[in-house]
Amino acid sequence: MPRTLVTGGAGFLGSHLCEYLLKKGHEVIAMDNLSTGNVENITHLQSEKFKFIKHDVTEYIYCAGPIDYILHFASPASPKDYLEMPIQTLKVGSLGTHKALGLAKEKNATLLLASTSETYGDPQEHPQKESYWGHVNPVGPRGVYDEAKRFAEASTMAYHRFHGVDTKIVRIFNTYGPRMRPNDGRAIPAFVPQALRNESITVFGDGSQTRSFCYVDDLIEGIIRLLLSDYHEPVNIGNPQEMTIKELAESIVKVTGSRSEVIYKDLPVDDPKVRQPDITRAKSVLGWEPRVSFQDGLEKTVDWFRTQKL
């Protein structure tokens, strides 16, 4: 049975990965310092094949026994989190990635890095292809996340080229689904609780900026296909269906049956005006494209939020 380490394993995406891998017969180790993760995301996974280790991956990572795969998902991932934890975000992208790559080298394991569409910054190319180098402000408030991930990508490719480590890089676009942390600063986990409480939905800017939302089940399927592939260059995984933030807010009001009104506030510094993945590479290399419609995914997500204390 494959033995797999998931850093950030108690987070939104990490917990879904752990669940998927266990179903596929892996023995799974979830590692998380719980700065943004939550053990409630993984309590239902407890079994002989699953182990949780509370640990900060910016420190030396020790895992006894063989490791076949490492999925490095440890990092704050929402603007609220990385603006409140800028130093920790930089450290996990640099030191944490270095420690994870070192472990992969030691164990002769395959490592998949969770990178992000934020490596493209506020893009001047639309939609964004993997060949686009980005338009990033390294000293702006979002730079702590953008540059941490860009450094992590460079480190990953260096270990692949110099040490021969089997590495993969996934650039994750906006993803949504159950287990998102309410009010974490991202659009859907901010808008849905506001709508369920019939409060005003706060849209930053005039709502014309665009995003493309991929349901978590589709994203996990794409990540695993990349993990098991022979491909080493970055691959975009996301849903190319683009919508404005205003349209998103209106959809959430409709699905929740809310009485909320949309209000507008100033757009944050360096907030991307557009975001849409070109998934040509994912289609050709992995045979992957999203299957869950936004409407179906949103209904499942809203149903989950209804069960939470908001």
Protein backbone atom coordinates (compact mmCIF):
# COMPACT_ATOMS: atom_id res chain seq x y z
CA MET A 1 0.00 0.00 0.00
CA PRO A 2 1.38 3.48 -0.86
CA ARG A 3 2.37 5.61 2.13
CA THR A 4 1.63 9.32 1.66
CA LEU A 5 2.36 12.47 3.67
CA VAL A 6 0.02 15.45 3.26
CA THR A 7 1.36 18.68 4.77
CA GLY A 8 -1.45 21.07 5.64
CA GLY A 9 -3.53 17.92 5.97
CA ALA A 10 -6.09 19.43 8.36
CA GLY A 11 -6.92 22.29 6.00
CA PHE A 12 -9.70 22.63 3.44
CA LEU A 13 -7.90 21.03 0.50
CA GLY A 14 -5.56 18.90 2.60
CA SER A 15 -8.40 17.13 4.37
CA HIS A 16 -10.14 16.34 1.08
CA LEU A 17 -6.87 14.94 -0.25
CA CYS A 18 -6.44 12.74 2.83
CA GLU A 19 -9.98 11.43 2.44
CA TYR A 20 -9.51 10.69 -1.27
CA LEU A 21 -6.16 8.93 -0.75
CA LEU A 22 -7.52 6.75 2.06
CA LYS A 23 -10.35 5.63 -0.23
CA LYS A 24 -7.72 4.73 -2.85
CA GLY A 25 -5.91 2.46 -0.39
CA HIS A 26 -3.09 4.74 0.77
CA GLU A 27 -1.75 4.88 4.28
CA VAL A 28 -1.93 8.61 5.03
CA ILE A 29 -0.02 10.88 7.40
CA ALA A 30 -1.54 14.34 7.81
CA MET A 31 0.82 17.00 9.14
CA ASP A 32 -0.41 20.43 10.21
CA ASN A 33 0.46 23.09 12.80
CA LEU A 34 -3.26 24.07 12.92
CA SER A 35 -2.57 27.78 12.32
CA THR A 36 -5.38 27.72 9.74
CA GLY A 37 -6.28 24.01 9.70
CA ASN A 38 -8.84 22.35 11.93
CA VAL A 39 -8.75 18.84 13.38
CA GLU A 40 -12.53 18.67 12.93
CA ASN A 41 -11.82 18.38 9.19
CA ILE A 42 -10.11 15.03 9.71
CA THR A 43 -11.68 13.45 12.82
CA HIS A 44 -13.90 11.28 10.61
CA LEU A 45 -10.79 9.80 8.97
CA GLN A 46 -9.36 8.18 12.10
CA SER A 47 -8.30 4.59 11.39
CA GLU A 48 -5.24 2.34 11.41
CA LYS A 49 -4.33 3.73 7.99
CA PHE A 50 -4.45 7.37 9.08
CA LYS A 51 -2.16 9.31 11.41
CA PHE A 52 -2.15 12.99 12.36
CA ILE A 53 1.05 14.77 13.42
CA LYS A 54 0.89 18.31 14.76
CA HIS A 55 4.04 19.92 13.42
CA ASP A 56 5.30 23.11 11.80
CA VAL A 57 6.92 22.11 8.51
CA THR A 58 9.30 25.07 8.63
CA GLU A 59 11.12 22.93 11.22
CA TYR A 60 12.88 19.66 10.42
CA ILE A 61 10.35 17.05 9.27
CA TYR A 62 10.80 13.55 10.66
CA CYS A 63 8.77 10.61 9.41
CA ALA A 64 9.76 7.09 10.35
CA GLY A 65 9.55 4.46 7.66
CA PRO A 66 9.11 4.74 3.91
CA ILE A 67 7.22 7.56 2.20
CA ASP A 68 6.07 7.16 -1.39
CA TYR A 69 4.34 10.51 -1.97
CA ILE A 70 4.48 13.96 -0.36
CA LEU A 71 1.72 16.47 -1.12
CA HIS A 72 2.94 19.83 0.16
CA PHE A 73 -0.19 21.85 0.94
CA ALA A 74 0.96 23.63 4.10
CA SER A 75 0.39 27.38 3.73
CA PRO A 76 -2.08 30.10 4.61
CA ALA A 77 -4.16 30.44 1.45
CA SER A 78 -6.65 33.28 1.95
CA PRO A 79 -5.90 37.01 1.86
CA LYS A 80 -7.11 37.39 5.45
CA ASP A 81 -4.69 34.71 6.65
CA TYR A 82 -1.56 35.70 4.79
CA LEU A 83 -2.06 39.39 5.55
CA GLU A 84 -2.35 38.52 9.26
CA MET A 85 0.56 36.04 9.10
CA PRO A 86 2.97 37.49 6.53
CA ILE A 87 6.19 36.14 8.02
CA GLN A 88 4.74 32.66 8.59
CA THR A 89 3.50 32.66 4.97
CA LEU A 90 6.95 33.50 3.65
CA LYS A 91 8.56 30.89 5.90
CA VAL A 92 6.27 28.03 4.91
CA GLY A 93 6.74 28.81 1.22
CA SER A 94 10.51 28.91 1.55
CA LEU A 95 11.71 26.94 4.60
CA GLY A 96 8.70 24.63 4.61
CA THR A 97 9.12 23.76 0.94
CA HIS A 98 12.84 23.22 1.47
CA LYS A 99 12.15 20.82 4.35
CA ALA A 100 9.52 18.93 2.34
CA LEU A 101 11.84 18.63 -0.66
CA GLY A 102 14.64 17.43 1.58
CA LEU A 103 12.37 14.70 2.93
CA ALA A 104 11.37 13.71 -0.62
CA LYS A 105 15.05 13.42 -1.55
CA GLU A 106 15.80 11.36 1.57
CA LYS A 107 12.85 9.00 1.06
CA ASN A 108 13.08 8.88 -2.75
CA ALA A 109 9.47 10.06 -2.77
CA THR A 110 7.42 11.92 -5.35
CA LEU A 111 6.59 15.47 -4.19
CA LEU A 112 3.67 17.51 -5.45
CA LEU A 113 3.75 21.22 -4.64
CA ALA A 114 0.48 23.09 -4.18
CA SER A 115 1.14 26.36 -5.95
CA THR A 116 -1.46 28.93 -6.92
CA SER A 117 -2.89 31.10 -9.64
CA GLU A 118 -1.57 34.01 -7.54
CA THR A 119 1.84 33.37 -9.13
CA TYR A 120 0.33 35.24 -12.10
CA GLY A 121 -0.41 38.28 -9.91
CA ASP A 122 -2.72 40.87 -11.48
CA PRO A 123 -2.36 39.33 -14.93
CA GLN A 124 -1.80 41.14 -18.20
CA GLU A 125 -2.55 37.91 -20.07
CA HIS A 126 -6.05 36.49 -20.08
CA PRO A 127 -6.81 33.63 -19.68
CA GLN A 128 -3.62 32.61 -17.92
CA LYS A 129 -1.40 29.91 -19.45
CA GLU A 130 1.39 28.16 -17.57
CA SER A 131 3.92 29.83 -19.90
CA TYR A 132 2.92 33.28 -18.57
CA TRP A 133 5.49 34.58 -16.05
CA GLY A 134 3.07 36.84 -14.22
CA HIS A 135 2.66 40.47 -13.15
CA VAL A 136 3.43 40.50 -9.42
CA ASN A 137 4.24 43.34 -7.01
CA PRO A 138 6.94 41.80 -4.76
CA VAL A 139 6.70 44.54 -2.12
CA GLY A 140 2.91 44.92 -2.00
CA PRO A 141 0.82 43.39 0.80
CA ARG A 142 -0.05 40.32 -1.32
CA GLY A 143 3.61 39.79 -2.21
CA VAL A 144 4.18 37.63 0.87
CA TYR A 145 1.93 34.95 -0.62
CA ASP A 146 2.66 35.47 -4.31
CA GLU A 147 6.44 35.46 -3.90
CA ALA A 148 6.41 32.61 -1.38
CA LYS A 149 4.71 30.41 -3.96
CA ARG A 150 6.98 31.60 -6.77
CA PHE A 151 10.02 30.78 -4.61
CA ALA A 152 8.49 27.39 -3.79
CA GLU A 153 8.08 26.64 -7.49
CA ALA A 154 11.70 27.63 -8.18
CA SER A 155 12.91 25.43 -5.30
CA THR A 156 10.84 22.50 -6.54
CA MET A 157 12.25 22.73 -10.06
CA ALA A 158 15.79 23.08 -8.67
CA TYR A 159 15.43 19.85 -6.66
CA HIS A 160 14.05 18.12 -9.75
CA ARG A 161 16.83 19.31 -12.06
CA PHE A 162 19.78 19.13 -9.66
CA HIS A 163 18.87 16.22 -7.36
CA GLY A 164 16.58 14.28 -9.68
CA VAL A 165 13.64 14.38 -7.26
CA ASP A 166 10.36 13.40 -8.92
CA THR A 167 8.36 16.62 -8.53
CA LYS A 168 5.03 18.02 -9.74
CA ILE A 169 3.63 21.56 -9.50
CA VAL A 170 -0.09 22.29 -9.52
CA ARG A 171 -1.26 25.89 -9.88
CA ILE A 172 -4.60 25.91 -8.10
CA PHE A 173 -7.27 28.40 -9.14
CA ASN A 174 -10.19 29.44 -6.93
CA THR A 175 -11.73 26.33 -5.37
CA TYR A 176 -14.82 25.93 -3.20
CA GLY A 177 -16.73 23.26 -1.35
CA PRO A 178 -17.43 21.81 2.11
CA ARG A 179 -14.90 22.46 4.90
CA MET A 180 -13.99 25.96 3.79
CA ARG A 181 -13.40 28.05 6.91
CA PRO A 182 -16.25 30.57 7.25
CA ASN A 183 -15.26 34.21 6.87
CA ASP A 184 -11.65 33.46 5.92
CA GLY A 185 -11.49 36.42 3.55
CA ARG A 186 -12.28 34.60 0.31
CA ALA A 187 -15.45 35.36 -1.60
CA ILE A 188 -17.57 32.23 -1.18
CA PRO A 189 -16.87 31.58 2.54
CA ALA A 190 -17.49 35.29 3.15
CA PHE A 191 -20.64 35.67 1.05
CA VAL A 192 -22.45 32.45 2.04
CA PRO A 193 -22.48 33.10 5.83
CA GLN A 194 -23.56 36.71 5.20
CA ALA A 195 -26.40 35.47 2.99
CA LEU A 196 -27.49 32.80 5.47
CA ARG A 197 -27.63 35.48 8.19
CA ASN A 198 -29.51 37.83 5.82
CA GLU A 199 -26.74 40.40 6.27
CA SER A 200 -25.42 42.70 3.58
CA ILE A 201 -22.98 40.93 1.25
CA THR A 202 -19.74 42.88 1.08
CA VAL A 203 -18.22 43.10 -2.39
CA PHE A 204 -14.87 44.82 -2.77
CA GLY A 205 -14.55 47.09 -5.79
CA ASP A 206 -17.47 47.49 -8.16
CA GLY A 207 -17.92 43.72 -8.52
CA SER A 208 -16.71 43.65 -12.12
CA GLN A 209 -13.50 41.75 -11.28
CA THR A 210 -13.71 38.11 -12.35
CA ARG A 211 -12.88 34.75 -10.83
CA SER A 212 -13.28 31.13 -11.97
CA PHE A 213 -14.51 28.66 -9.33
CA CYS A 214 -13.71 24.93 -9.35
CA TYR A 215 -15.58 22.50 -7.09
CA VAL A 216 -13.26 20.69 -4.71
CA ASP A 217 -14.00 17.16 -5.99
CA ASP A 218 -12.92 18.15 -9.49
CA LEU A 219 -9.77 19.80 -8.17
CA ILE A 220 -8.74 16.73 -6.13
CA GLU A 221 -9.20 14.48 -9.16
CA GLY A 222 -6.93 16.74 -11.22
CA ILE A 223 -4.28 16.86 -8.49
CA ILE A 224 -4.13 13.07 -8.19
CA ARG A 225 -3.88 12.67 -11.96
CA LEU A 226 -0.93 15.07 -11.93
CA LEU A 227 0.67 13.24 -8.97
CA LEU A 228 0.60 9.96 -10.88
CA SER A 229 1.78 11.45 -14.18
CA ASP A 230 5.30 11.78 -15.58
CA TYR A 231 4.92 15.54 -16.06
CA HIS A 232 7.13 18.00 -14.14
CA GLU A 233 6.24 21.49 -15.41
CA PRO A 234 3.46 23.51 -13.71
CA VAL A 235 -0.13 22.61 -14.57
CA ASN A 236 -3.19 24.83 -14.07
CA ILE A 237 -6.08 23.06 -12.35
CA GLY A 238 -9.26 25.09 -12.20
CA ASN A 239 -12.60 25.72 -13.85
CA PRO A 240 -12.41 28.07 -16.87
CA GLN A 241 -16.03 29.20 -16.36
CA GLU A 242 -15.45 32.88 -15.55
CA MET A 243 -17.89 35.11 -13.67
CA THR A 244 -17.86 38.50 -12.02
CA ILE A 245 -17.85 38.83 -8.25
CA LYS A 246 -21.19 40.62 -8.54
CA GLU A 247 -22.63 37.62 -10.39
CA LEU A 248 -21.23 35.34 -7.69
CA ALA A 249 -22.91 37.35 -4.94
CA GLU A 250 -26.23 37.32 -6.81
CA SER A 251 -26.00 33.54 -7.31
CA ILE A 252 -25.42 32.99 -3.60
CA VAL A 253 -28.39 35.17 -2.68
CA LYS A 254 -30.57 33.11 -5.01
CA VAL A 255 -29.37 29.68 -3.83
CA THR A 256 -29.68 30.58 -0.14
CA GLY A 257 -33.03 32.31 -0.56
CA SER A 258 -31.54 35.25 1.32
CA ARG A 259 -32.91 38.75 1.81
CA SER A 260 -29.35 40.14 1.68
CA GLU A 261 -28.42 43.18 -0.35
CA VAL A 262 -25.03 43.68 -1.98
CA ILE A 263 -22.89 46.58 -0.74
CA TYR A 264 -19.58 47.75 -2.15
CA LYS A 265 -16.29 48.73 -0.51
CA ASP A 266 -12.90 49.81 -1.84
CA LEU A 267 -10.88 47.21 -3.72
CA PRO A 268 -7.79 45.98 -1.80
CA VAL A 269 -4.30 46.82 -3.08
CA ASP A 270 -3.10 44.61 -5.96
CA ASP A 271 -6.33 42.61 -6.04
CA PRO A 272 -6.40 40.80 -9.44
CA LYS A 273 -8.93 42.23 -11.87
CA VAL A 274 -9.33 38.96 -13.78
CA ARG A 275 -8.66 35.30 -13.10
CA GLN A 276 -9.33 32.46 -15.55
CA PRO A 277 -7.23 29.34 -16.14
CA ASP A 278 -6.22 28.09 -19.54
CA ILE A 279 -6.54 24.33 -18.93
CA THR A 280 -5.28 23.16 -22.32
CA ARG A 281 -2.26 21.53 -20.66
CA ALA A 282 -4.40 19.71 -18.08
CA LYS A 283 -6.63 18.39 -20.84
CA SER A 284 -3.78 17.19 -23.05
CA VAL A 285 -1.38 15.88 -20.37
CA LEU A 286 -3.82 14.59 -17.75
CA GLY A 287 -7.04 14.08 -19.70
CA TRP A 288 -8.68 16.24 -17.04
CA GLU A 289 -11.37 18.89 -17.07
CA PRO A 290 -13.97 19.88 -14.46
CA ARG A 291 -17.30 18.07 -14.46
CA VAL A 292 -19.30 19.57 -11.57
CA SER A 293 -21.42 22.56 -12.59
CA PHE A 294 -21.12 25.73 -10.56
CA GLN A 295 -24.80 25.51 -9.60
CA ASP A 296 -24.49 21.94 -8.28
CA GLY A 297 -21.27 22.69 -6.44
CA LEU A 298 -22.67 25.84 -4.89
CA GLU A 299 -25.78 24.04 -3.62
CA LYS A 300 -23.59 21.37 -1.95
CA THR A 301 -21.40 24.07 -0.44
CA VAL A 302 -24.35 26.07 0.91
CA ASP A 303 -25.85 22.88 2.40
CA TRP A 304 -22.59 22.31 4.28
CA PHE A 305 -22.43 25.90 5.55
CA ARG A 306 -25.98 25.52 6.89
CA THR A 307 -24.65 22.87 9.30
CA GLN A 308 -21.96 25.19 10.71
CA LYS A 309 -22.02 27.71 13.51
CA LEU A 310 -21.81 30.98 11.62
